[in-house]
């Protein structure tokens, strides 16, 4: 676990990164934001991001389907959409399963 907790928010992640790089929280925050922005931008343009031994961020296409309104039971159309996905790499899977 990153900080010994089950859930880590962005501020805790910034603190952890800052301590690992012996830098300031501001530097760590800018670096994290840059990574997230780069990944988001690549996915938005239809690409994927492969981080060797960590995992792959990609876009999955969902087909249009018909669902049901849970209150009325009436059929409704659910439009096709794109969804971000993450596939864990081998080293990340091994780290999680230790």
PDB file of N, CA and C in Angstrom:
ATOM      1  N   UNK A   1       0.844  -1.177   0.000  1.00  0.00           N
ATOM      2  CA  UNK A   1       0.000   0.000   0.000  1.00  0.00           C
ATOM      3  C   UNK A   1       0.888   1.238   0.000  1.00  0.00           C
ATOM      4  N   UNK A   2       0.434   2.244  -0.697  1.00  0.00           N
ATOM      5  CA  UNK A   2       1.232   3.441  -0.863  1.00  0.00           C
ATOM      6  C   UNK A   2       1.514   4.125   0.461  1.00  0.00           C
ATOM      7  N   UNK A   3       0.502   4.372   1.227  1.00  0.00           N
ATOM      8  CA  UNK A   3       0.670   5.073   2.493  1.00  0.00           C
ATOM      9  C   UNK A   3       0.182   4.241   3.672  1.00  0.00           C
ATOM     10  N   UNK A   4       0.007   2.963   3.478  1.00  0.00           N
ATOM     11  CA  UNK A   4      -0.475   2.112   4.546  1.00  0.00           C
ATOM     12  C   UNK A   4      -1.977   2.221   4.761  1.00  0.00           C
ATOM     13  N   UNK A   5      -2.670   2.840   3.804  1.00  0.00           N
ATOM     14  CA  UNK A   5      -4.120   2.989   3.900  1.00  0.00           C
ATOM     15  C   UNK A   5      -4.775   2.276   2.722  1.00  0.00           C
ATOM     16  N   UNK A   6      -6.050   2.056   2.822  1.00  0.00           N
ATOM     17  CA  UNK A   6      -6.770   1.397   1.749  1.00  0.00           C
ATOM     18  C   UNK A   6      -7.137   2.353   0.625  1.00  0.00           C
ATOM     19  N   UNK A   7      -7.352   3.625   0.954  1.00  0.00           N
ATOM     20  CA  UNK A   7      -7.726   4.618  -0.044  1.00  0.00           C
ATOM     21  C   UNK A   7      -6.743   5.778   0.048  1.00  0.00           C
ATOM     22  N   UNK A   8      -6.227   6.194  -1.101  1.00  0.00           N
ATOM     23  CA  UNK A   8      -5.287   7.308  -1.154  1.00  0.00           C
ATOM     24  C   UNK A   8      -5.905   8.394  -2.020  1.00  0.00           C
ATOM     25  N   UNK A   9      -6.006   9.605  -1.478  1.00  0.00           N
ATOM     26  CA  UNK A   9      -6.513  10.702  -2.289  1.00  0.00           C
ATOM     27  C   UNK A   9      -5.332  11.436  -2.934  1.00  0.00           C
ATOM     28  N   UNK A  10      -5.622  12.440  -3.746  1.00  0.00           N
ATOM     29  CA  UNK A  10      -4.565  13.105  -4.498  1.00  0.00           C
ATOM     30  C   UNK A  10      -3.552  13.775  -3.576  1.00  0.00           C
ATOM     31  N   UNK A  11      -4.002  14.415  -2.511  1.00  0.00           N
ATOM     32  CA  UNK A  11      -3.069  15.085  -1.600  1.00  0.00           C
ATOM     33  C   UNK A  11      -2.103  14.096  -0.967  1.00  0.00           C
ATOM     34  N   UNK A  12      -2.599  12.927  -0.607  1.00  0.00           N
ATOM     35  CA  UNK A  12      -1.740  11.900  -0.030  1.00  0.00           C
ATOM     36  C   UNK A  12      -0.756  11.362  -1.074  1.00  0.00           C
ATOM     37  N   UNK A  13      -1.208  11.238  -2.306  1.00  0.00           N
ATOM     38  CA  UNK A  13      -0.330  10.802  -3.383  1.00  0.00           C
ATOM     39  C   UNK A  13       0.767  11.835  -3.625  1.00  0.00           C
ATOM     40  N   UNK A  14       0.406  13.111  -3.611  1.00  0.00           N
ATOM     41  CA  UNK A  14       1.389  14.188  -3.782  1.00  0.00           C
ATOM     42  C   UNK A  14       2.434  14.123  -2.673  1.00  0.00           C
ATOM     43  N   UNK A  15       2.002  13.941  -1.435  1.00  0.00           N
ATOM     44  CA  UNK A  15       2.942  13.844  -0.312  1.00  0.00           C
ATOM     45  C   UNK A  15       3.881  12.657  -0.479  1.00  0.00           C
ATOM     46  N   UNK A  16       3.346  11.514  -0.909  1.00  0.00           N
ATOM     47  CA  UNK A  16       4.156  10.315  -1.088  1.00  0.00           C
ATOM     48  C   UNK A  16       5.183  10.510  -2.195  1.00  0.00           C
ATOM     49  N   UNK A  17       4.769  11.100  -3.307  1.00  0.00           N
ATOM     50  CA  UNK A  17       5.693  11.334  -4.417  1.00  0.00           C
ATOM     51  C   UNK A  17       6.757  12.345  -4.014  1.00  0.00           C
ATOM     52  N   UNK A  18       6.356  13.414  -3.337  1.00  0.00           N
ATOM     53  CA  UNK A  18       7.315  14.434  -2.904  1.00  0.00           C
ATOM     54  C   UNK A  18       8.386  13.825  -2.000  1.00  0.00           C
ATOM     55  N   UNK A  19       7.995  12.942  -1.102  1.00  0.00           N
ATOM     56  CA  UNK A  19       8.975  12.329  -0.198  1.00  0.00           C
ATOM     57  C   UNK A  19       9.884  11.357  -0.950  1.00  0.00           C
ATOM     58  N   UNK A  20       9.354  10.670  -1.972  1.00  0.00           N
ATOM     59  CA  UNK A  20      10.172   9.726  -2.757  1.00  0.00           C
ATOM     60  C   UNK A  20      11.229  10.442  -3.595  1.00  0.00           C
ATOM     61  N   UNK A  21      10.897  11.629  -4.095  1.00  0.00           N
ATOM     62  CA  UNK A  21      11.837  12.349  -4.957  1.00  0.00           C
ATOM     63  C   UNK A  21      12.609  13.424  -4.207  1.00  0.00           C
ATOM     64  N   UNK A  22      12.392  13.506  -2.903  1.00  0.00           N
ATOM     65  CA  UNK A  22      13.012  14.555  -2.086  1.00  0.00           C
ATOM     66  C   UNK A  22      12.767  15.938  -2.686  1.00  0.00           C
ATOM     67  N   UNK A  23      11.539  16.158  -3.134  1.00  0.00           N
ATOM     68  CA  UNK A  23      11.152  17.432  -3.726  1.00  0.00           C
ATOM     69  C   UNK A  23      10.025  18.065  -2.938  1.00  0.00           C
ATOM     70  N   UNK A  24       9.535  19.164  -3.471  1.00  0.00           N
ATOM     71  CA  UNK A  24       8.439  19.862  -2.803  1.00  0.00           C
ATOM     72  C   UNK A  24       7.106  19.263  -3.229  1.00  0.00           C
ATOM     73  N   UNK A  25       6.096  19.549  -2.435  1.00  0.00           N
ATOM     74  CA  UNK A  25       4.752  19.094  -2.785  1.00  0.00           C
ATOM     75  C   UNK A  25       4.286  19.760  -4.079  1.00  0.00           C
ATOM     76  N   UNK A  26       4.689  21.010  -4.297  1.00  0.00           N
ATOM     77  CA  UNK A  26       4.306  21.728  -5.519  1.00  0.00           C
ATOM     78  C   UNK A  26       4.895  21.041  -6.749  1.00  0.00           C
ATOM     79  N   UNK A  27       6.165  20.643  -6.660  1.00  0.00           N
ATOM     80  CA  UNK A  27       6.803  19.940  -7.785  1.00  0.00           C
ATOM     81  C   UNK A  27       6.112  18.611  -8.049  1.00  0.00           C
ATOM     82  N   UNK A  28       5.831  17.871  -6.989  1.00  0.00           N
ATOM     83  CA  UNK A  28       5.170  16.572  -7.126  1.00  0.00           C
ATOM     84  C   UNK A  28       3.772  16.741  -7.716  1.00  0.00           C
ATOM     85  N   UNK A  29       3.053  17.756  -7.273  1.00  0.00           N
ATOM     86  CA  UNK A  29       1.700  18.000  -7.778  1.00  0.00           C
ATOM     87  C   UNK A  29       1.724  18.335  -9.265  1.00  0.00           C
ATOM     88  N   UNK A  30       2.670  19.171  -9.688  1.00  0.00           N
ATOM     89  CA  UNK A  30       2.788  19.512 -11.117  1.00  0.00           C
ATOM     90  C   UNK A  30       3.126  18.274 -11.938  1.00  0.00           C
ATOM     91  N   UNK A  31       4.009  17.430 -11.412  1.00  0.00           N
ATOM     92  CA  UNK A  31       4.395  16.218 -12.141  1.00  0.00           C
ATOM     93  C   UNK A  31       3.208  15.266 -12.281  1.00  0.00           C
ATOM     94  N   UNK A  32       2.466  15.065 -11.201  1.00  0.00           N
ATOM     95  CA  UNK A  32       1.301  14.179 -11.236  1.00  0.00           C
ATOM     96  C   UNK A  32       0.252  14.727 -12.195  1.00  0.00           C
ATOM     97  N   UNK A  33      -0.011  16.032 -12.124  1.00  0.00           N
ATOM     98  CA  UNK A  33      -0.980  16.650 -13.033  1.00  0.00           C
ATOM     99  C   UNK A  33      -0.543  16.488 -14.486  1.00  0.00           C
ATOM    100  N   UNK A  34       0.755  16.643 -14.751  1.00  0.00           N
ATOM    101  CA  UNK A  34       1.268  16.506 -16.117  1.00  0.00           C
ATOM    102  C   UNK A  34       1.067  15.082 -16.628  1.00  0.00           C
ATOM    103  N   UNK A  35       1.315  14.097 -15.782  1.00  0.00           N
ATOM    104  CA  UNK A  35       1.130  12.694 -16.179  1.00  0.00           C
ATOM    105  C   UNK A  35      -0.341  12.426 -16.480  1.00  0.00           C
ATOM    106  N   UNK A  36      -1.230  12.836 -15.576  1.00  0.00           N
ATOM    107  CA  UNK A  36      -2.665  12.614 -15.780  1.00  0.00           C
ATOM    108  C   UNK A  36      -3.165  13.335 -17.032  1.00  0.00           C
ATOM    109  N   UNK A  37      -2.713  14.581 -17.244  1.00  0.00           N
ATOM    110  CA  UNK A  37      -3.134  15.338 -18.426  1.00  0.00           C
ATOM    111  C   UNK A  37      -2.650  14.671 -19.707  1.00  0.00           C
ATOM    112  N   UNK A  38      -1.420  14.161 -19.686  1.00  0.00           N
ATOM    113  CA  UNK A  38      -0.864  13.490 -20.864  1.00  0.00           C
ATOM    114  C   UNK A  38      -1.646  12.218 -21.194  1.00  0.00           C
ATOM    115  N   UNK A  39      -1.954  11.437 -20.166  1.00  0.00           N
ATOM    116  CA  UNK A  39      -2.728  10.212 -20.379  1.00  0.00           C
ATOM    117  C   UNK A  39      -4.120  10.550 -20.892  1.00  0.00           C
ATOM    118  N   UNK A  40      -4.779  11.515 -20.267  1.00  0.00           N
ATOM    119  CA  UNK A  40      -6.127  11.914 -20.691  1.00  0.00           C
ATOM    120  C   UNK A  40      -6.132  12.423 -22.125  1.00  0.00           C
ATOM    121  N   UNK A  41      -5.148  13.228 -22.479  1.00  0.00           N
ATOM    122  CA  UNK A  41      -5.068  13.773 -23.835  1.00  0.00           C
ATOM    123  C   UNK A  41      -4.882  12.690 -24.876  1.00  0.00           C
ATOM    124  N   UNK A  42      -4.023  11.729 -24.576  1.00  0.00           N
ATOM    125  CA  UNK A  42      -3.788  10.641 -25.527  1.00  0.00           C
ATOM    126  C   UNK A  42      -5.041   9.789 -25.705  1.00  0.00           C
ATOM    127  N   UNK A  43      -5.741   9.493 -24.605  1.00  0.00           N
ATOM    128  CA  UNK A  43      -6.977   8.711 -24.693  1.00  0.00           C
ATOM    129  C   UNK A  43      -8.054   9.481 -25.453  1.00  0.00           C
ATOM    130  N   UNK A  44      -8.145  10.784 -25.217  1.00  0.00           N
ATOM    131  CA  UNK A  44      -9.154  11.606 -25.892  1.00  0.00           C
ATOM    132  C   UNK A  44      -8.932  11.626 -27.400  1.00  0.00           C
ATOM    133  N   UNK A  45      -7.673  11.498 -27.822  1.00  0.00           N
ATOM    134  CA  UNK A  45      -7.385  11.504 -29.260  1.00  0.00           C
ATOM    135  C   UNK A  45      -7.485  10.106 -29.871  1.00  0.00           C
ATOM    136  N   UNK A  46      -7.898   9.127 -29.055  1.00  0.00           N
ATOM    137  CA  UNK A  46      -8.110   7.776 -29.563  1.00  0.00           C
ATOM    138  C   UNK A  46      -6.922   6.848 -29.412  1.00  0.00           C
ATOM    139  N   UNK A  47      -5.853   7.332 -28.784  1.00  0.00           N
ATOM    140  CA  UNK A  47      -4.657   6.514 -28.618  1.00  0.00           C
ATOM    141  C   UNK A  47      -4.685   5.712 -27.337  1.00  0.00           C
ATOM    142  N   UNK A  48      -3.546   5.117 -27.036  1.00  0.00           N
ATOM    143  CA  UNK A  48      -3.392   4.394 -25.785  1.00  0.00           C
ATOM    144  C   UNK A  48      -2.028   4.707 -25.210  1.00  0.00           C
ATOM    145  N   UNK A  49      -1.878   4.477 -23.916  1.00  0.00           N
ATOM    146  CA  UNK A  49      -0.621   4.735 -23.226  1.00  0.00           C
ATOM    147  C   UNK A  49      -0.151   3.434 -22.599  1.00  0.00           C
ATOM    148  N   UNK A  50       1.026   2.970 -23.019  1.00  0.00           N
ATOM    149  CA  UNK A  50       1.593   1.731 -22.487  1.00  0.00           C
ATOM    150  C   UNK A  50       2.770   2.071 -21.592  1.00  0.00           C
ATOM    151  N   UNK A  51       2.665   1.697 -20.343  1.00  0.00           N
ATOM    152  CA  UNK A  51       3.749   1.865 -19.389  1.00  0.00           C
ATOM    153  C   UNK A  51       4.286   0.468 -19.111  1.00  0.00           C
ATOM    154  N   UNK A  52       5.435   0.153 -19.687  1.00  0.00           N
ATOM    155  CA  UNK A  52       5.993  -1.197 -19.630  1.00  0.00           C
ATOM    156  C   UNK A  52       6.074  -1.671 -18.180  1.00  0.00           C
ATOM    157  N   UNK A  53       5.602  -2.875 -17.954  1.00  0.00           N
ATOM    158  CA  UNK A  53       5.576  -3.551 -16.655  1.00  0.00           C
ATOM    159  C   UNK A  53       4.590  -2.942 -15.655  1.00  0.00           C
ATOM    160  N   UNK A  54       3.943  -1.843 -16.000  1.00  0.00           N
ATOM    161  CA  UNK A  54       2.937  -1.265 -15.110  1.00  0.00           C
ATOM    162  C   UNK A  54       1.549  -1.544 -15.642  1.00  0.00           C
ATOM    163  N   UNK A  55       1.283  -1.125 -16.883  1.00  0.00           N
ATOM    164  CA  UNK A  55      -0.027  -1.376 -17.465  1.00  0.00           C
ATOM    165  C   UNK A  55      -0.295  -0.510 -18.682  1.00  0.00           C
ATOM    166  N   UNK A  56      -1.483  -0.673 -19.226  1.00  0.00           N
ATOM    167  CA  UNK A  56      -1.885   0.044 -20.434  1.00  0.00           C
ATOM    168  C   UNK A  56      -3.221   0.736 -20.200  1.00  0.00           C
ATOM    169  N   UNK A  57      -3.248   2.022 -20.537  1.00  0.00           N
ATOM    170  CA  UNK A  57      -4.487   2.796 -20.532  1.00  0.00           C
ATOM    171  C   UNK A  57      -4.986   2.802 -21.965  1.00  0.00           C
ATOM    172  N   UNK A  58      -6.269   2.485 -22.173  1.00  0.00           N
ATOM    173  CA  UNK A  58      -6.821   2.451 -23.516  1.00  0.00           C
ATOM    174  C   UNK A  58      -8.284   2.848 -23.499  1.00  0.00           C
ATOM    175  N   UNK A  59      -8.837   3.017 -24.697  1.00  0.00           N
ATOM    176  CA  UNK A  59     -10.247   3.392 -24.840  1.00  0.00           C
ATOM    177  C   UNK A  59     -11.012   2.201 -25.388  1.00  0.00           C
ATOM    178  N   UNK A  60     -12.101   1.848 -24.726  1.00  0.00           N
ATOM    179  CA  UNK A  60     -12.980   0.763 -25.185  1.00  0.00           C
ATOM    180  C   UNK A  60     -14.260   1.384 -25.738  1.00  0.00           C
ATOM    181  N   UNK A  61     -14.710   0.855 -26.854  1.00  0.00           N
ATOM    182  CA  UNK A  61     -15.953   1.332 -27.460  1.00  0.00           C
ATOM    183  C   UNK A  61     -17.110   0.464 -26.984  1.00  0.00           C
ATOM    184  N   UNK A  62     -18.131   1.107 -26.467  1.00  0.00           N
ATOM    185  CA  UNK A  62     -19.342   0.404 -26.047  1.00  0.00           C
ATOM    186  C   UNK A  62     -20.403   0.580 -27.126  1.00  0.00           C
ATOM    187  N   UNK A  63     -21.030  -0.504 -27.500  1.00  0.00           N
ATOM    188  CA  UNK A  63     -22.086  -0.455 -28.512  1.00  0.00           C
ATOM    189  C   UNK A  63     -23.365   0.114 -27.910  1.00  0.00           C
ATOM    190  N   UNK A  64     -24.205   0.647 -28.773  1.00  0.00           N
ATOM    191  CA  UNK A  64     -25.519   1.107 -28.342  1.00  0.00           C
ATOM    192  C   UNK A  64     -26.345  -0.119 -27.931  1.00  0.00           C
ATOM    193  N   UNK A  65     -27.085   0.015 -26.860  1.00  0.00           N
ATOM    194  CA  UNK A  65     -27.911  -1.096 -26.381  1.00  0.00           C
ATOM    195  C   UNK A  65     -29.285  -0.586 -25.972  1.00  0.00           C
ATOM    196  N   UNK A  66     -30.144  -1.519 -25.667  1.00  0.00           N
ATOM    197  CA  UNK A  66     -31.458  -1.175 -25.127  1.00  0.00           C
ATOM    198  C   UNK A  66     -31.499  -1.614 -23.682  1.00  0.00           C
ATOM    199  N   UNK A  67     -31.884  -0.683 -22.807  1.00  0.00           N
ATOM    200  CA  UNK A  67     -31.999  -0.991 -21.392  1.00  0.00           C
ATOM    201  C   UNK A  67     -33.434  -0.827 -20.941  1.00  0.00           C
ATOM    202  N   UNK A  68     -33.629  -0.887 -19.647  1.00  0.00           N
ATOM    203  CA  UNK A  68     -34.977  -0.708 -19.096  1.00  0.00           C
ATOM    204  C   UNK A  68     -34.936   0.324 -17.989  1.00  0.00           C
ATOM    205  N   UNK A  69     -35.948   1.186 -17.988  1.00  0.00           N
ATOM    206  CA  UNK A  69     -36.107   2.142 -16.911  1.00  0.00           C
ATOM    207  C   UNK A  69     -36.510   1.342 -15.663  1.00  0.00           C
ATOM    208  N   UNK A  70     -35.720   1.400 -14.581  1.00  0.00           N
ATOM    209  CA  UNK A  70     -36.036   0.566 -13.416  1.00  0.00           C
ATOM    210  C   UNK A  70     -37.358   0.932 -12.727  1.00  0.00           C
ATOM    211  N   UNK A  71     -37.813   2.148 -12.896  1.00  0.00           N
ATOM    212  CA  UNK A  71     -39.071   2.544 -12.253  1.00  0.00           C
ATOM    213  C   UNK A  71     -40.291   2.112 -13.032  1.00  0.00           C
ATOM    214  N   UNK A  72     -40.202   2.281 -14.357  1.00  0.00           N
ATOM    215  CA  UNK A  72     -41.386   2.011 -15.169  1.00  0.00           C
ATOM    216  C   UNK A  72     -41.290   0.710 -15.954  1.00  0.00           C
ATOM    217  N   UNK A  73     -40.086   0.204 -16.135  1.00  0.00           N
ATOM    218  CA  UNK A  73     -39.908  -1.005 -16.921  1.00  0.00           C
ATOM    219  C   UNK A  73     -39.915  -0.761 -18.418  1.00  0.00           C
ATOM    220  N   UNK A  74     -40.077   0.511 -18.814  1.00  0.00           N
ATOM    221  CA  UNK A  74     -40.103   0.839 -20.240  1.00  0.00           C
ATOM    222  C   UNK A  74     -38.706   0.699 -20.836  1.00  0.00           C
ATOM    223  N   UNK A  75     -38.630   0.225 -22.078  1.00  0.00           N
ATOM    224  CA  UNK A  75     -37.321   0.143 -22.730  1.00  0.00           C
ATOM    225  C   UNK A  75     -36.783   1.535 -23.053  1.00  0.00           C
ATOM    226  N   UNK A  76     -35.483   1.707 -22.897  1.00  0.00           N
ATOM    227  CA  UNK A  76     -34.835   2.970 -23.240  1.00  0.00           C
ATOM    228  C   UNK A  76     -33.599   2.655 -24.079  1.00  0.00           C
ATOM    229  N   UNK A  77     -33.231   3.581 -24.941  1.00  0.00           N
ATOM    230  CA  UNK A  77     -32.042   3.410 -25.768  1.00  0.00           C
ATOM    231  C   UNK A  77     -30.841   3.987 -25.030  1.00  0.00           C
ATOM    232  N   UNK A  78     -29.788   3.204 -24.976  1.00  0.00           N
ATOM    233  CA  UNK A  78     -28.537   3.647 -24.379  1.00  0.00           C
ATOM    234  C   UNK A  78     -27.564   3.853 -25.531  1.00  0.00           C
ATOM    235  N   UNK A  79     -27.104   5.077 -25.694  1.00  0.00           N
ATOM    236  CA  UNK A  79     -26.251   5.432 -26.828  1.00  0.00           C
ATOM    237  C   UNK A  79     -24.878   4.768 -26.732  1.00  0.00           C
ATOM    238  N   UNK A  80     -24.255   4.592 -27.882  1.00  0.00           N
ATOM    239  CA  UNK A  80     -22.884   4.093 -27.926  1.00  0.00           C
ATOM    240  C   UNK A  80     -21.987   5.118 -27.237  1.00  0.00           C
ATOM    241  N   UNK A  81     -20.918   4.639 -26.610  1.00  0.00           N
ATOM    242  CA  UNK A  81     -20.009   5.552 -25.916  1.00  0.00           C
ATOM    243  C   UNK A  81     -18.610   4.962 -25.871  1.00  0.00           C
ATOM    244  N   UNK A  82     -17.680   5.765 -25.437  1.00  0.00           N
ATOM    245  CA  UNK A  82     -16.305   5.330 -25.235  1.00  0.00           C
ATOM    246  C   UNK A  82     -16.029   5.349 -23.742  1.00  0.00           C
ATOM    247  N   UNK A  83     -15.223   4.402 -23.293  1.00  0.00           N
ATOM    248  CA  UNK A  83     -14.930   4.288 -21.878  1.00  0.00           C
ATOM    249  C   UNK A  83     -13.441   4.035 -21.679  1.00  0.00           C
ATOM    250  N   UNK A  84     -12.805   4.777 -20.750  1.00  0.00           N
ATOM    251  CA  UNK A  84     -11.390   4.511 -20.483  1.00  0.00           C
ATOM    252  C   UNK A  84     -11.235   3.183 -19.746  1.00  0.00           C
ATOM    253  N   UNK A  85     -10.196   2.450 -20.085  1.00  0.00           N
ATOM    254  CA  UNK A  85      -9.909   1.157 -19.455  1.00  0.00           C
ATOM    255  C   UNK A  85      -8.450   1.128 -19.039  1.00  0.00           C
ATOM    256  N   UNK A  86      -8.144   0.267 -18.086  1.00  0.00           N
ATOM    257  CA  UNK A  86      -6.761   0.048 -17.668  1.00  0.00           C
ATOM    258  C   UNK A  86      -6.526  -1.444 -17.539  1.00  0.00           C
ATOM    259  N   UNK A  87      -5.459  -1.921 -18.175  1.00  0.00           N
ATOM    260  CA  UNK A  87      -5.052  -3.318 -18.041  1.00  0.00           C
ATOM    261  C   UNK A  87      -3.727  -3.340 -17.311  1.00  0.00           C
ATOM    262  N   UNK A  88      -3.700  -4.008 -16.172  1.00  0.00           N
ATOM    263  CA  UNK A  88      -2.480  -4.069 -15.367  1.00  0.00           C
ATOM    264  C   UNK A  88      -1.417  -4.910 -16.054  1.00  0.00           C
ATOM    265  N   UNK A  89      -0.161  -4.488 -15.902  1.00  0.00           N
ATOM    266  CA  UNK A  89       0.969  -5.236 -16.431  1.00  0.00           C
ATOM    267  C   UNK A  89       1.429  -6.307 -15.454  1.00  0.00           C
ATOM    268  N   UNK A  90       2.367  -7.114 -15.896  1.00  0.00           N
ATOM    269  CA  UNK A  90       2.822  -8.270 -15.128  1.00  0.00           C
ATOM    270  C   UNK A  90       3.399  -7.878 -13.768  1.00  0.00           C
ATOM    271  N   UNK A  91       4.272  -6.901 -13.726  1.00  0.00           N
ATOM    272  CA  UNK A  91       4.912  -6.538 -12.453  1.00  0.00           C
ATOM    273  C   UNK A  91       3.895  -5.959 -11.475  1.00  0.00           C
ATOM    274  N   UNK A  92       2.952  -5.163 -11.961  1.00  0.00           N
ATOM    275  CA  UNK A  92       1.910  -4.625 -11.080  1.00  0.00           C
ATOM    276  C   UNK A  92       1.048  -5.740 -10.539  1.00  0.00           C
ATOM    277  N   UNK A  93       0.678  -6.690 -11.387  1.00  0.00           N
ATOM    278  CA  UNK A  93      -0.131  -7.843 -10.921  1.00  0.00           C
ATOM    279  C   UNK A  93       0.621  -8.623  -9.855  1.00  0.00           C
ATOM    280  N   UNK A  94       1.903  -8.860 -10.082  1.00  0.00           N
ATOM    281  CA  UNK A  94       2.702  -9.592  -9.104  1.00  0.00           C
ATOM    282  C   UNK A  94       2.814  -8.841  -7.783  1.00  0.00           C
ATOM    283  N   UNK A  95       2.960  -7.524  -7.843  1.00  0.00           N
ATOM    284  CA  UNK A  95       3.067  -6.710  -6.627  1.00  0.00           C
ATOM    285  C   UNK A  95       1.781  -6.762  -5.815  1.00  0.00           C
ATOM    286  N   UNK A  96       0.651  -6.751  -6.509  1.00  0.00           N
ATOM    287  CA  UNK A  96      -0.646  -6.795  -5.834  1.00  0.00           C
ATOM    288  C   UNK A  96      -0.899  -8.162  -5.200  1.00  0.00           C
ATOM    289  N   UNK A  97      -0.371  -9.211  -5.818  1.00  0.00           N
ATOM    290  CA  UNK A  97      -0.631 -10.567  -5.354  1.00  0.00           C
ATOM    291  C   UNK A  97       0.428 -11.119  -4.420  1.00  0.00           C
ATOM    292  N   UNK A  98       1.289 -10.285  -3.884  1.00  0.00           N
ATOM    293  CA  UNK A  98       2.320 -10.757  -2.943  1.00  0.00           C
ATOM    294  C   UNK A  98       1.707 -11.157  -1.636  1.00  0.00           C
TER     295      UNK A  98
END
